[in-house]
Amino acid sequence: MASEAVVEAFEMIGAAIALLRTEIVQPGCRNLSADPLAAIADGCLDILAGVARIEARIAALKSAAVTAYADSARSAAPLDMPVQAKEMAIAAEVGCVLAIGDRAAGMLLEQSHALNTFLPRTLAAVQEGIVSWQHAKVMVDETATLDREAAGALEAHFLDAGAANPAPGCPAGEMPAYRFRRKARIWRERHHPDSIEKRHAKGMQDRCLEYTPEQDGMARVSAYLPADQAAAIWNRITAIARGLQGPHEDRTLTQLRADILATAALRNHIGCTRCSSGSTGTAAGVPVQPMSPRPGPRSW
């Protein structure tokens, strides 16, 4: 059960939200200004700016609560309880309370642990409303494979104005998260302590193909591949699609790309000859790089 202080705090938050909602619906005396519509618009923008800061602080609070719950649950669990079962139970509890799936809950647990354990500057920036939760997730992602020293350097570059080499231009919290991700990734690649060859070899182990159902009888298929293979596939499909464009072709370039990929992948003779014969093969006309030897298909 929540303490009286917690209940009172949330009641005050609810009252403040109700007051702000009233200020939007009934702007009060602002409509008495020379330009009432402009005054209403400015007031709404002020509320949006405040909401953005509060959302970041609430996200930081949720992250801290998730981390503290996970730590206490791990400590209270039976000593003989398997680690995997323990983590699944924790994720299930968090997912139930927040009405999210187990996978999303697991990601939240990982992100919160990283933020509250390894990224003090990012945590402080979110708590102060300087950057959003989306920016914090970018920082978690881009520092996931870095040691503490390298992660701290990346944090300082973007979040510490007094750093030896601060990021020039727009502050991180004032740019969209996707732009921040791009800048953070470029800096990470240039300053990563490990060589690109070593990191690429490790990344190769994570290559995969994923299927995601969508609405209206549609779905997405995405592949995580080495950059050279992905670029070759994209460039070849784009070239074929552009070649099919013409006055009698009604499909857009985007639609043509999708149709070409589906047609190539579903042809009966398509296959990776490496998997069966041990030699480098082709798939849809795109070279397939040799992979580590794998056992051939089993006969049942």
C-alpha atoms as a PDB file:
ATOM      1  CA  MET A   1       0.000   0.000   0.000  1.00  0.00           C
ATOM      2  CA  ALA A   2       1.217   3.506  -0.849  1.00  0.00           C
ATOM      3  CA  SER A   3       2.065   5.766   2.060  1.00  0.00           C
ATOM      4  CA  GLU A   4      -0.046   8.800   2.853  1.00  0.00           C
ATOM      5  CA  ALA A   5       2.721  11.057   1.526  1.00  0.00           C
ATOM      6  CA  VAL A   6       2.709   9.267  -1.819  1.00  0.00           C
ATOM      7  CA  VAL A   7      -1.087   9.432  -2.083  1.00  0.00           C
ATOM      8  CA  GLU A   8      -1.056  13.131  -1.207  1.00  0.00           C
ATOM      9  CA  ALA A   9       1.687  13.851  -3.740  1.00  0.00           C
ATOM     10  CA  PHE A  10      -0.273  12.211  -6.559  1.00  0.00           C
ATOM     11  CA  GLU A  11      -3.406  14.056  -5.517  1.00  0.00           C
ATOM     12  CA  MET A  12      -1.498  17.334  -5.807  1.00  0.00           C
ATOM     13  CA  ILE A  13      -0.223  16.306  -9.234  1.00  0.00           C
ATOM     14  CA  GLY A  14      -3.775  15.511 -10.299  1.00  0.00           C
ATOM     15  CA  ALA A  15      -4.996  18.885  -9.041  1.00  0.00           C
ATOM     16  CA  ALA A  16      -2.219  20.685 -10.925  1.00  0.00           C
ATOM     17  CA  ILE A  17      -3.110  18.861 -14.144  1.00  0.00           C
ATOM     18  CA  ALA A  18      -6.767  19.770 -13.694  1.00  0.00           C
ATOM     19  CA  LEU A  19      -5.797  23.428 -13.238  1.00  0.00           C
ATOM     20  CA  LEU A  20      -3.695  23.398 -16.415  1.00  0.00           C
ATOM     21  CA  ARG A  21      -6.507  21.725 -18.363  1.00  0.00           C
ATOM     22  CA  THR A  22      -8.896  24.450 -17.180  1.00  0.00           C
ATOM     23  CA  GLU A  23      -6.406  27.080 -18.308  1.00  0.00           C
ATOM     24  CA  ILE A  24      -6.507  25.562 -21.815  1.00  0.00           C
ATOM     25  CA  VAL A  25     -10.275  25.246 -22.028  1.00  0.00           C
ATOM     26  CA  GLN A  26     -11.035  28.530 -20.237  1.00  0.00           C
ATOM     27  CA  PRO A  27      -8.010  30.764 -20.700  1.00  0.00           C
ATOM     28  CA  GLY A  28      -9.163  33.260 -18.090  1.00  0.00           C
ATOM     29  CA  CYS A  29      -8.146  36.880 -18.486  1.00  0.00           C
ATOM     30  CA  ARG A  30      -5.714  36.266 -21.356  1.00  0.00           C
ATOM     31  CA  ASN A  31      -8.533  36.901 -23.860  1.00  0.00           C
ATOM     32  CA  LEU A  32      -8.668  40.504 -22.619  1.00  0.00           C
ATOM     33  CA  SER A  33      -5.358  41.311 -24.327  1.00  0.00           C
ATOM     34  CA  ALA A  34      -5.044  43.177 -27.611  1.00  0.00           C
ATOM     35  CA  ASP A  35      -4.818  39.887 -29.513  1.00  0.00           C
ATOM     36  CA  PRO A  36      -6.763  37.244 -27.545  1.00  0.00           C
ATOM     37  CA  LEU A  37      -6.131  34.417 -30.020  1.00  0.00           C
ATOM     38  CA  ALA A  38      -2.387  35.023 -29.971  1.00  0.00           C
ATOM     39  CA  ALA A  39      -2.502  35.106 -26.167  1.00  0.00           C
ATOM     40  CA  ILE A  40      -4.306  31.744 -26.082  1.00  0.00           C
ATOM     41  CA  ALA A  41      -1.791  30.264 -28.523  1.00  0.00           C
ATOM     42  CA  ASP A  42       1.169  31.547 -26.489  1.00  0.00           C
ATOM     43  CA  GLY A  43      -0.376  30.185 -23.323  1.00  0.00           C
ATOM     44  CA  CYS A  44      -0.808  26.737 -24.887  1.00  0.00           C
ATOM     45  CA  LEU A  45       2.816  26.751 -26.041  1.00  0.00           C
ATOM     46  CA  ASP A  46       3.930  27.645 -22.526  1.00  0.00           C
ATOM     47  CA  ILE A  47       1.914  24.720 -21.182  1.00  0.00           C
ATOM     48  CA  LEU A  48       3.424  22.382 -23.793  1.00  0.00           C
ATOM     49  CA  ALA A  49       6.933  23.467 -22.828  1.00  0.00           C
ATOM     50  CA  GLY A  50       6.151  22.827 -19.178  1.00  0.00           C
ATOM     51  CA  VAL A  51       4.590  19.456 -19.977  1.00  0.00           C
ATOM     52  CA  ALA A  52       7.734  18.406 -21.852  1.00  0.00           C
ATOM     53  CA  ARG A  53       9.873  19.159 -18.801  1.00  0.00           C
ATOM     54  CA  ILE A  54       7.469  17.400 -16.442  1.00  0.00           C
ATOM     55  CA  GLU A  55       7.224  14.361 -18.722  1.00  0.00           C
ATOM     56  CA  ALA A  56      11.004  14.005 -18.581  1.00  0.00           C
ATOM     57  CA  ARG A  57      11.005  14.284 -14.792  1.00  0.00           C
ATOM     58  CA  ILE A  58       8.166  11.762 -14.522  1.00  0.00           C
ATOM     59  CA  ALA A  59      10.098   9.399 -16.809  1.00  0.00           C
ATOM     60  CA  ALA A  60      13.123   9.717 -14.551  1.00  0.00           C
ATOM     61  CA  LEU A  61      10.911   9.001 -11.541  1.00  0.00           C
ATOM     62  CA  LYS A  62       9.463   5.919 -13.246  1.00  0.00           C
ATOM     63  CA  SER A  63      12.965   4.764 -14.135  1.00  0.00           C
ATOM     64  CA  ALA A  64      14.107   5.140 -10.524  1.00  0.00           C
ATOM     65  CA  ALA A  65      11.033   3.284  -9.232  1.00  0.00           C
ATOM     66  CA  VAL A  66      11.543   0.441 -11.718  1.00  0.00           C
ATOM     67  CA  THR A  67      15.207   0.089 -10.772  1.00  0.00           C
ATOM     68  CA  ALA A  68      14.518   0.173  -7.027  1.00  0.00           C
ATOM     69  CA  TYR A  69      11.719  -2.379  -7.385  1.00  0.00           C
ATOM     70  CA  ALA A  70      13.915  -4.728  -9.405  1.00  0.00           C
ATOM     71  CA  ASP A  71      16.759  -4.492  -6.891  1.00  0.00           C
ATOM     72  CA  SER A  72      14.459  -5.179  -3.939  1.00  0.00           C
ATOM     73  CA  ALA A  73      12.676  -8.022  -5.752  1.00  0.00           C
ATOM     74  CA  ARG A  74      15.989  -9.696  -6.576  1.00  0.00           C
ATOM     75  CA  SER A  75      17.086  -9.435  -2.949  1.00  0.00           C
ATOM     76  CA  ALA A  76      13.792 -10.825  -1.657  1.00  0.00           C
ATOM     77  CA  ALA A  77      13.652 -13.749  -4.105  1.00  0.00           C
ATOM     78  CA  PRO A  78      14.544 -17.261  -2.861  1.00  0.00           C
ATOM     79  CA  LEU A  79      18.247 -18.028  -3.155  1.00  0.00           C
ATOM     80  CA  ASP A  80      17.587 -21.190  -5.176  1.00  0.00           C
ATOM     81  CA  MET A  81      15.341 -19.412  -7.694  1.00  0.00           C
ATOM     82  CA  PRO A  82      16.857 -19.516 -11.229  1.00  0.00           C
ATOM     83  CA  VAL A  83      18.063 -16.133 -12.483  1.00  0.00           C
ATOM     84  CA  GLN A  84      16.009 -16.324 -15.672  1.00  0.00           C
ATOM     85  CA  ALA A  85      12.821 -17.100 -13.778  1.00  0.00           C
ATOM     86  CA  LYS A  86      13.545 -14.271 -11.356  1.00  0.00           C
ATOM     87  CA  GLU A  87      14.025 -11.731 -14.175  1.00  0.00           C
ATOM     88  CA  MET A  88      10.917 -12.949 -15.978  1.00  0.00           C
ATOM     89  CA  ALA A  89       8.862 -12.547 -12.808  1.00  0.00           C
ATOM     90  CA  ILE A  90      10.181  -9.013 -12.282  1.00  0.00           C
ATOM     91  CA  ALA A  91       9.417  -8.044 -15.878  1.00  0.00           C
ATOM     92  CA  ALA A  92       5.935  -9.564 -15.596  1.00  0.00           C
ATOM     93  CA  GLU A  93       5.153  -7.540 -12.464  1.00  0.00           C
ATOM     94  CA  VAL A  94       6.366  -4.293 -14.046  1.00  0.00           C
ATOM     95  CA  GLY A  95       4.467  -5.049 -17.240  1.00  0.00           C
ATOM     96  CA  CYS A  96       1.272  -5.771 -15.304  1.00  0.00           C
ATOM     97  CA  VAL A  97       1.436  -2.501 -13.362  1.00  0.00           C
ATOM     98  CA  LEU A  98       2.243  -0.396 -16.444  1.00  0.00           C
ATOM     99  CA  ALA A  99      -0.018  -2.387 -18.794  1.00  0.00           C
ATOM    100  CA  ILE A 100       2.813  -3.160 -21.215  1.00  0.00           C
ATOM    101  CA  GLY A 101       4.133  -6.404 -22.631  1.00  0.00           C
ATOM    102  CA  ASP A 102       6.874  -8.466 -21.036  1.00  0.00           C
ATOM    103  CA  ARG A 103       9.321  -7.512 -23.781  1.00  0.00           C
ATOM    104  CA  ALA A 104       8.667  -3.789 -23.323  1.00  0.00           C
ATOM    105  CA  ALA A 105       8.944  -4.217 -19.560  1.00  0.00           C
ATOM    106  CA  GLY A 106      12.262  -5.995 -19.975  1.00  0.00           C
ATOM    107  CA  MET A 107      13.583  -3.166 -22.150  1.00  0.00           C
ATOM    108  CA  LEU A 108      12.422  -0.607 -19.589  1.00  0.00           C
ATOM    109  CA  LEU A 109      14.222  -2.524 -16.845  1.00  0.00           C
ATOM    110  CA  GLU A 110      17.451  -2.618 -18.856  1.00  0.00           C
ATOM    111  CA  GLN A 111      17.266   1.052 -19.816  1.00  0.00           C
ATOM    112  CA  SER A 112      16.444   2.117 -16.274  1.00  0.00           C
ATOM    113  CA  HIS A 113      19.283   0.062 -14.808  1.00  0.00           C
ATOM    114  CA  ALA A 114      21.790   1.584 -17.251  1.00  0.00           C
ATOM    115  CA  LEU A 115      20.517   5.103 -16.623  1.00  0.00           C
ATOM    116  CA  ASN A 116      20.537   4.830 -12.832  1.00  0.00           C
ATOM    117  CA  THR A 117      23.822   2.926 -12.626  1.00  0.00           C
ATOM    118  CA  PHE A 118      26.184   4.026 -15.398  1.00  0.00           C
ATOM    119  CA  LEU A 119      24.930   7.363 -16.798  1.00  0.00           C
ATOM    120  CA  PRO A 120      24.819   9.972 -14.003  1.00  0.00           C
ATOM    121  CA  ARG A 121      24.897  13.022 -16.299  1.00  0.00           C
ATOM    122  CA  THR A 122      22.051  11.711 -18.424  1.00  0.00           C
ATOM    123  CA  LEU A 123      20.018  10.828 -15.337  1.00  0.00           C
ATOM    124  CA  ALA A 124      20.525  14.314 -13.910  1.00  0.00           C
ATOM    125  CA  ALA A 125      19.526  15.919 -17.226  1.00  0.00           C
ATOM    126  CA  VAL A 126      16.297  13.899 -17.381  1.00  0.00           C
ATOM    127  CA  GLN A 127      15.486  14.631 -13.737  1.00  0.00           C
ATOM    128  CA  GLU A 128      15.895  18.340 -14.427  1.00  0.00           C
ATOM    129  CA  GLY A 129      13.800  18.177 -17.588  1.00  0.00           C
ATOM    130  CA  ILE A 130      16.735  19.255 -19.776  1.00  0.00           C
ATOM    131  CA  VAL A 131      16.473  16.219 -22.060  1.00  0.00           C
ATOM    132  CA  SER A 132      13.546  13.897 -22.741  1.00  0.00           C
ATOM    133  CA  TRP A 133      13.234  10.178 -22.068  1.00  0.00           C
ATOM    134  CA  GLN A 134      13.752   9.615 -25.805  1.00  0.00           C
ATOM    135  CA  HIS A 135      17.115  11.389 -25.561  1.00  0.00           C
ATOM    136  CA  ALA A 136      17.983   9.280 -22.532  1.00  0.00           C
ATOM    137  CA  LYS A 137      17.206   6.084 -24.452  1.00  0.00           C
ATOM    138  CA  VAL A 138      19.507   7.262 -27.241  1.00  0.00           C
ATOM    139  CA  MET A 139      22.301   7.712 -24.707  1.00  0.00           C
ATOM    140  CA  VAL A 140      21.623   4.256 -23.246  1.00  0.00           C
ATOM    141  CA  ASP A 141      21.740   2.677 -26.709  1.00  0.00           C
ATOM    142  CA  GLU A 142      24.900   4.453 -27.835  1.00  0.00           C
ATOM    143  CA  THR A 143      26.813   3.649 -24.636  1.00  0.00           C
ATOM    144  CA  ALA A 144      25.612   0.037 -24.360  1.00  0.00           C
ATOM    145  CA  THR A 145      28.926  -1.447 -25.535  1.00  0.00           C
ATOM    146  CA  LEU A 146      31.210   1.196 -24.003  1.00  0.00           C
ATOM    147  CA  ASP A 147      33.109   0.984 -20.742  1.00  0.00           C
ATOM    148  CA  ARG A 148      32.461   3.548 -18.002  1.00  0.00           C
ATOM    149  CA  GLU A 149      35.238   5.873 -19.106  1.00  0.00           C
ATOM    150  CA  ALA A 150      34.129   5.969 -22.743  1.00  0.00           C
ATOM    151  CA  ALA A 151      30.468   6.302 -21.765  1.00  0.00           C
ATOM    152  CA  GLY A 152      31.331   9.186 -19.455  1.00  0.00           C
ATOM    153  CA  ALA A 153      33.228  10.907 -22.255  1.00  0.00           C
ATOM    154  CA  LEU A 154      30.245  10.632 -24.591  1.00  0.00           C
ATOM    155  CA  GLU A 155      27.937  11.964 -21.877  1.00  0.00           C
ATOM    156  CA  ALA A 156      30.255  14.865 -21.089  1.00  0.00           C
ATOM    157  CA  HIS A 157      30.600  15.818 -24.744  1.00  0.00           C
ATOM    158  CA  PHE A 158      26.855  16.337 -25.153  1.00  0.00           C
ATOM    159  CA  LEU A 159      25.611  17.147 -21.641  1.00  0.00           C
ATOM    160  CA  ASP A 160      28.454  18.973 -19.872  1.00  0.00           C
ATOM    161  CA  ALA A 161      28.955  22.550 -21.035  1.00  0.00           C
ATOM    162  CA  GLY A 162      32.189  22.680 -19.027  1.00  0.00           C
ATOM    163  CA  ALA A 163      33.720  19.657 -20.750  1.00  0.00           C
ATOM    164  CA  ALA A 164      37.077  19.966 -22.496  1.00  0.00           C
ATOM    165  CA  ASN A 165      35.410  19.318 -25.856  1.00  0.00           C
ATOM    166  CA  PRO A 166      31.683  20.159 -25.607  1.00  0.00           C
ATOM    167  CA  ALA A 167      29.390  19.534 -28.556  1.00  0.00           C
ATOM    168  CA  PRO A 168      28.979  22.672 -30.664  1.00  0.00           C
ATOM    169  CA  GLY A 169      25.662  24.044 -31.859  1.00  0.00           C
ATOM    170  CA  CYS A 170      22.241  23.219 -30.518  1.00  0.00           C
ATOM    171  CA  PRO A 171      22.117  21.581 -27.054  1.00  0.00           C
ATOM    172  CA  ALA A 172      21.087  17.926 -27.041  1.00  0.00           C
ATOM    173  CA  GLY A 173      17.749  18.539 -25.353  1.00  0.00           C
ATOM    174  CA  GLU A 174      16.718  21.174 -27.896  1.00  0.00           C
ATOM    175  CA  MET A 175      17.046  18.948 -30.948  1.00  0.00           C
ATOM    176  CA  PRO A 176      14.788  16.015 -31.928  1.00  0.00           C
ATOM    177  CA  ALA A 177      15.912  12.692 -30.524  1.00  0.00           C
ATOM    178  CA  TYR A 178      16.578  11.245 -33.992  1.00  0.00           C
ATOM    179  CA  ARG A 179      19.034  14.055 -34.736  1.00  0.00           C
ATOM    180  CA  PHE A 180      20.675  13.566 -31.375  1.00  0.00           C
ATOM    181  CA  ARG A 181      21.033   9.849 -32.129  1.00  0.00           C
ATOM    182  CA  ARG A 182      22.808  10.650 -35.380  1.00  0.00           C
ATOM    183  CA  LYS A 183      25.244  13.046 -33.687  1.00  0.00           C
ATOM    184  CA  ALA A 184      25.862  10.691 -30.768  1.00  0.00           C
ATOM    185  CA  ARG A 185      26.508   7.762 -33.090  1.00  0.00           C
ATOM    186  CA  ILE A 186      28.992   9.720 -35.203  1.00  0.00           C
ATOM    187  CA  TRP A 187      30.912  10.784 -32.085  1.00  0.00           C
ATOM    188  CA  ARG A 188      30.792   7.231 -30.731  1.00  0.00           C
ATOM    189  CA  GLU A 189      32.173   5.738 -33.946  1.00  0.00           C
ATOM    190  CA  ARG A 190      35.019   8.250 -34.035  1.00  0.00           C
ATOM    191  CA  HIS A 191      36.010   7.819 -30.394  1.00  0.00           C
ATOM    192  CA  HIS A 192      35.230   4.155 -29.687  1.00  0.00           C
ATOM    193  CA  PRO A 193      38.167   2.516 -27.890  1.00  0.00           C
ATOM    194  CA  ASP A 194      37.818  -0.708 -29.913  1.00  0.00           C
ATOM    195  CA  SER A 195      38.613  -1.013 -33.613  1.00  0.00           C
ATOM    196  CA  ILE A 196      35.795  -1.209 -36.148  1.00  0.00           C
ATOM    197  CA  GLU A 197      36.996  -4.677 -37.162  1.00  0.00           C
ATOM    198  CA  LYS A 198      36.587  -6.008 -33.638  1.00  0.00           C
ATOM    199  CA  ARG A 199      33.172  -4.398 -33.202  1.00  0.00           C
ATOM    200  CA  HIS A 200      31.990  -5.620 -36.607  1.00  0.00           C
ATOM    201  CA  ALA A 201      32.993  -9.195 -35.807  1.00  0.00           C
ATOM    202  CA  LYS A 202      30.985  -9.012 -32.588  1.00  0.00           C
ATOM    203  CA  GLY A 203      28.011  -7.393 -34.341  1.00  0.00           C
ATOM    204  CA  MET A 204      27.956 -10.176 -36.919  1.00  0.00           C
ATOM    205  CA  GLN A 205      26.852 -12.560 -34.193  1.00  0.00           C
ATOM    206  CA  ASP A 206      23.629 -10.571 -33.771  1.00  0.00           C
ATOM    207  CA  ARG A 207      22.469 -10.695 -37.403  1.00  0.00           C
ATOM    208  CA  CYS A 208      18.832 -11.711 -37.632  1.00  0.00           C
ATOM    209  CA  LEU A 209      15.565 -11.557 -39.546  1.00  0.00           C
ATOM    210  CA  GLU A 210      12.428 -10.359 -37.753  1.00  0.00           C
ATOM    211  CA  TYR A 211       8.717 -10.532 -38.568  1.00  0.00           C
ATOM    212  CA  THR A 212       6.197  -8.058 -37.107  1.00  0.00           C
ATOM    213  CA  PRO A 213       2.426  -8.307 -37.793  1.00  0.00           C
ATOM    214  CA  GLU A 214       0.745  -5.007 -38.655  1.00  0.00           C
ATOM    215  CA  GLN A 215      -2.823  -3.781 -39.218  1.00  0.00           C
ATOM    216  CA  ASP A 216      -5.108  -4.534 -42.179  1.00  0.00           C
ATOM    217  CA  GLY A 217      -3.529  -7.840 -43.076  1.00  0.00           C
ATOM    218  CA  MET A 218      -0.036  -6.395 -43.456  1.00  0.00           C
ATOM    219  CA  ALA A 219       3.286  -7.176 -41.788  1.00  0.00           C
ATOM    220  CA  ARG A 220       6.897  -6.063 -41.696  1.00  0.00           C
ATOM    221  CA  VAL A 221      10.001  -8.163 -42.323  1.00  0.00           C
ATOM    222  CA  SER A 222      13.281  -6.548 -41.286  1.00  0.00           C
ATOM    223  CA  ALA A 223      16.825  -7.859 -41.510  1.00  0.00           C
ATOM    224  CA  TYR A 224      19.788  -6.906 -39.346  1.00  0.00           C
ATOM    225  CA  LEU A 225      22.790  -7.447 -41.606  1.00  0.00           C
ATOM    226  CA  PRO A 226      26.368  -6.292 -42.161  1.00  0.00           C
ATOM    227  CA  ALA A 227      26.272  -2.811 -43.651  1.00  0.00           C
ATOM    228  CA  ASP A 228      27.894  -3.822 -46.951  1.00  0.00           C
ATOM    229  CA  GLN A 229      25.312  -6.553 -47.566  1.00  0.00           C
ATOM    230  CA  ALA A 230      22.402  -4.327 -46.561  1.00  0.00           C
ATOM    231  CA  ALA A 231      23.630  -1.509 -48.818  1.00  0.00           C
ATOM    232  CA  ALA A 232      24.143  -3.922 -51.717  1.00  0.00           C
ATOM    233  CA  ILE A 233      20.616  -5.327 -51.342  1.00  0.00           C
ATOM    234  CA  TRP A 234      19.091  -1.852 -51.103  1.00  0.00           C
ATOM    235  CA  ASN A 235      21.037  -0.475 -54.074  1.00  0.00           C
ATOM    236  CA  ARG A 236      20.253  -3.465 -56.281  1.00  0.00           C
ATOM    237  CA  ILE A 237      16.532  -3.436 -55.490  1.00  0.00           C
ATOM    238  CA  THR A 238      16.412   0.337 -56.029  1.00  0.00           C
ATOM    239  CA  ALA A 239      18.180   0.019 -59.383  1.00  0.00           C
ATOM    240  CA  ILE A 240      15.747  -2.671 -60.538  1.00  0.00           C
ATOM    241  CA  ALA A 241      12.795  -0.598 -59.319  1.00  0.00           C
ATOM    242  CA  ARG A 242      13.974   2.503 -61.167  1.00  0.00           C
ATOM    243  CA  GLY A 243      14.409   0.435 -64.299  1.00  0.00           C
ATOM    244  CA  LEU A 244      10.770  -0.656 -64.109  1.00  0.00           C
ATOM    245  CA  GLN A 245       9.453   2.890 -63.811  1.00  0.00           C
ATOM    246  CA  GLY A 246       7.847   4.354 -66.872  1.00  0.00           C
ATOM    247  CA  PRO A 247       4.692   5.877 -68.327  1.00  0.00           C
ATOM    248  CA  HIS A 248       2.822   2.570 -68.100  1.00  0.00           C
ATOM    249  CA  GLU A 249       3.922   1.708 -64.532  1.00  0.00           C
ATOM    250  CA  ASP A 250       1.438   2.871 -61.883  1.00  0.00           C
ATOM    251  CA  ARG A 251       3.380   1.657 -58.849  1.00  0.00           C
ATOM    252  CA  THR A 252       5.522   4.078 -56.849  1.00  0.00           C
ATOM    253  CA  LEU A 253       9.227   3.498 -56.312  1.00  0.00           C
ATOM    254  CA  THR A 254       8.502   2.411 -52.729  1.00  0.00           C
ATOM    255  CA  GLN A 255       5.872  -0.086 -53.883  1.00  0.00           C
ATOM    256  CA  LEU A 256       8.187  -1.428 -56.578  1.00  0.00           C
ATOM    257  CA  ARG A 257      10.940  -2.046 -54.031  1.00  0.00           C
ATOM    258  CA  ALA A 258       8.569  -4.057 -51.838  1.00  0.00           C
ATOM    259  CA  ASP A 259       7.241  -6.088 -54.789  1.00  0.00           C
ATOM    260  CA  ILE A 260      10.749  -6.849 -56.093  1.00  0.00           C
ATOM    261  CA  LEU A 261      11.925  -8.045 -52.673  1.00  0.00           C
ATOM    262  CA  ALA A 262       8.853 -10.253 -52.183  1.00  0.00           C
ATOM    263  CA  THR A 263       9.141 -11.742 -55.667  1.00  0.00           C
ATOM    264  CA  ALA A 264      12.851 -12.470 -55.291  1.00  0.00           C
ATOM    265  CA  ALA A 265      12.517 -14.008 -51.823  1.00  0.00           C
ATOM    266  CA  LEU A 266       9.610 -16.278 -52.828  1.00  0.00           C
ATOM    267  CA  ARG A 267      11.149 -17.774 -55.977  1.00  0.00           C
ATOM    268  CA  ASN A 268      11.527 -21.524 -55.708  1.00  0.00           C
ATOM    269  CA  HIS A 269      15.156 -21.590 -56.809  1.00  0.00           C
ATOM    270  CA  ILE A 270      16.337 -18.921 -54.393  1.00  0.00           C
ATOM    271  CA  GLY A 271      18.663 -20.176 -51.690  1.00  0.00           C
ATOM    272  CA  CYS A 272      21.979 -19.699 -49.990  1.00  0.00           C
ATOM    273  CA  THR A 273      24.202 -22.356 -51.549  1.00  0.00           C
ATOM    274  CA  ARG A 274      26.716 -21.817 -48.764  1.00  0.00           C
ATOM    275  CA  CYS A 275      24.333 -23.441 -46.309  1.00  0.00           C
ATOM    276  CA  SER A 276      24.179 -26.684 -48.289  1.00  0.00           C
ATOM    277  CA  SER A 277      27.346 -26.905 -50.363  1.00  0.00           C
ATOM    278  CA  GLY A 278      29.815 -24.843 -48.368  1.00  0.00           C
ATOM    279  CA  SER A 279      30.518 -22.377 -51.203  1.00  0.00           C
ATOM    280  CA  THR A 280      29.665 -18.716 -51.573  1.00  0.00           C
ATOM    281  CA  GLY A 281      26.251 -18.362 -53.210  1.00  0.00           C
ATOM    282  CA  THR A 282      23.843 -15.686 -54.343  1.00  0.00           C
ATOM    283  CA  ALA A 283      20.355 -14.741 -53.314  1.00  0.00           C
ATOM    284  CA  ALA A 284      18.204 -12.704 -55.693  1.00  0.00           C
ATOM    285  CA  GLY A 285      21.354 -11.798 -57.581  1.00  0.00           C
ATOM    286  CA  VAL A 286      22.978 -10.288 -54.480  1.00  0.00           C
ATOM    287  CA  PRO A 287      26.286 -11.857 -53.394  1.00  0.00           C
ATOM    288  CA  VAL A 288      26.122 -13.658 -50.083  1.00  0.00           C
ATOM    289  CA  GLN A 289      29.308 -13.346 -48.048  1.00  0.00           C
ATOM    290  CA  PRO A 290      30.814 -16.568 -46.701  1.00  0.00           C
ATOM    291  CA  MET A 291      29.698 -17.412 -43.184  1.00  0.00           C
ATOM    292  CA  SER A 292      31.162 -19.694 -40.587  1.00  0.00           C
ATOM    293  CA  PRO A 293      30.615 -23.373 -41.387  1.00  0.00           C
ATOM    294  CA  ARG A 294      27.323 -24.765 -40.194  1.00  0.00           C
ATOM    295  CA  PRO A 295      26.049 -28.331 -40.261  1.00  0.00           C
ATOM    296  CA  GLY A 296      23.901 -29.159 -43.259  1.00  0.00           C
ATOM    297  CA  PRO A 297      20.159 -29.750 -43.027  1.00  0.00           C
ATOM    298  CA  ARG A 298      19.174 -32.834 -41.125  1.00  0.00           C
ATOM    299  CA  SER A 299      17.086 -35.574 -42.684  1.00  0.00           C
ATOM    300  CA  TRP A 300      14.203 -36.831 -40.617  1.00  0.00           C
END
